[in-house]
Amino acid sequence: LRLCVTRTSPAEMAENQAPIDSERRDALGALAASPSFVRCNLGTTALHVRNFAVDYAQGGLVMAVVGFKLMEWWYGTGEKSMQQS
C-alpha cells in the first residue's frame, strides 16, 4: 500500500484544509445561486450532510467499534448468568 505516516503541525493541517474548505464553499455557493427551489434547498442540505459524514467518519467508526464491543460484552455476561441459573 506504500503508506507513509508523518507528523503534521497545526499550520500544515490548516494549510491542507484550506483548499477543501474553499471547494466546499464554491459548491454551496453554486447550489445556493441555483434558480430551482428544490435544488437550492435539497442540494445544500445534501452537501452539508455529506461534509459532516466525511469530517466525522473516523470518529463514528471508533464509536461503532466501541459500541459493538459493549454489546458483545453485555450479551455475553447475560448469557453466562442465564447458563448459571
Protein backbone atom coordinates (compact mmCIF):
# COMPACT_ATOMS: atom_id res chain seq x y z
CA LEU A 1 0.00 0.00 0.00
CA ARG A 2 3.00 2.28 0.43
CA LEU A 3 1.54 4.25 3.32
CA CYS A 4 3.66 6.94 4.88
CA VAL A 5 2.87 8.14 8.38
CA THR A 6 4.23 11.55 9.22
CA ARG A 7 3.66 14.17 11.86
CA THR A 8 2.00 17.39 10.83
CA SER A 9 1.93 20.69 12.59
CA PRO A 10 -1.31 22.62 13.14
CA ALA A 11 -0.15 25.11 10.49
CA GLU A 12 0.28 22.30 7.95
CA MET A 13 -3.13 20.87 8.81
CA ALA A 14 -4.74 24.27 8.32
CA GLU A 15 -2.87 24.66 5.03
CA ASN A 16 -4.17 21.29 3.81
CA GLN A 17 -7.72 22.09 4.94
CA ALA A 18 -7.91 25.45 3.13
CA PRO A 19 -8.42 24.03 -0.40
CA ILE A 20 -11.08 21.62 0.88
CA ASP A 21 -12.94 24.46 2.60
CA SER A 22 -12.80 26.67 -0.50
CA GLU A 23 -14.08 23.82 -2.69
CA ARG A 24 -16.97 23.26 -0.26
CA ARG A 25 -17.79 26.99 -0.21
CA ASP A 26 -17.79 27.11 -4.01
CA ALA A 27 -20.11 24.09 -4.27
CA LEU A 28 -22.51 25.51 -1.68
CA GLY A 29 -22.44 28.90 -3.39
CA ALA A 30 -23.25 27.35 -6.75
CA LEU A 31 -26.22 25.47 -5.28
CA ALA A 32 -27.44 28.50 -3.34
CA ALA A 33 -27.43 30.55 -6.55
CA SER A 34 -29.49 27.91 -8.36
CA PRO A 35 -32.90 29.20 -9.55
CA SER A 36 -34.53 25.87 -8.68
CA PHE A 37 -36.07 25.95 -5.18
CA VAL A 38 -35.76 22.19 -4.74
CA ARG A 39 -32.17 22.04 -5.95
CA CYS A 40 -31.22 25.00 -3.80
CA ASN A 41 -32.69 23.60 -0.57
CA LEU A 42 -32.17 19.86 -1.01
CA GLY A 43 -28.77 20.26 -2.64
CA THR A 44 -27.34 22.41 0.12
CA THR A 45 -28.75 20.06 2.76
CA ALA A 46 -27.25 17.05 0.97
CA LEU A 47 -23.85 18.77 0.77
CA HIS A 48 -23.96 19.64 4.48
CA VAL A 49 -24.77 16.02 5.33
CA ARG A 50 -22.01 14.71 3.05
CA ASN A 51 -19.45 17.11 4.54
CA PHE A 52 -20.48 16.13 8.06
CA ALA A 53 -20.13 12.43 7.22
CA VAL A 54 -16.71 12.93 5.63
CA ASP A 55 -15.43 15.05 8.52
CA TYR A 56 -16.56 12.72 11.30
CA ALA A 57 -16.28 9.28 9.64
CA GLN A 58 -13.22 8.25 11.65
CA GLY A 59 -14.77 9.17 15.00
CA GLY A 60 -18.01 7.43 14.02
CA LEU A 61 -16.09 4.26 13.17
CA VAL A 62 -14.33 4.26 16.54
CA MET A 63 -17.63 4.81 18.35
CA ALA A 64 -19.26 1.98 16.36
CA VAL A 65 -16.46 -0.44 17.29
CA VAL A 66 -16.68 0.51 20.97
CA GLY A 67 -20.49 0.20 20.84
CA PHE A 68 -20.35 -3.26 19.28
CA LYS A 69 -17.76 -4.42 21.81
CA LEU A 70 -20.00 -3.11 24.61
CA MET A 71 -22.99 -5.00 23.20
CA GLU A 72 -20.87 -8.15 22.85
CA TRP A 73 -19.81 -7.88 26.49
CA TRP A 74 -23.37 -7.15 27.65
CA TYR A 75 -24.92 -10.09 25.84
CA GLY A 76 -22.01 -12.34 26.85
CA THR A 77 -22.47 -11.62 30.54
CA GLY A 78 -26.25 -12.07 30.17
CA GLU A 79 -25.80 -15.49 28.56
CA LYS A 80 -23.39 -16.56 31.30
CA SER A 81 -25.85 -15.57 34.01
CA MET A 82 -28.63 -17.47 32.20
CA GLN A 83 -26.48 -20.60 31.99
CA GLN A 84 -25.67 -20.41 35.71
CA SER A 85 -29.37 -20.20 36.65
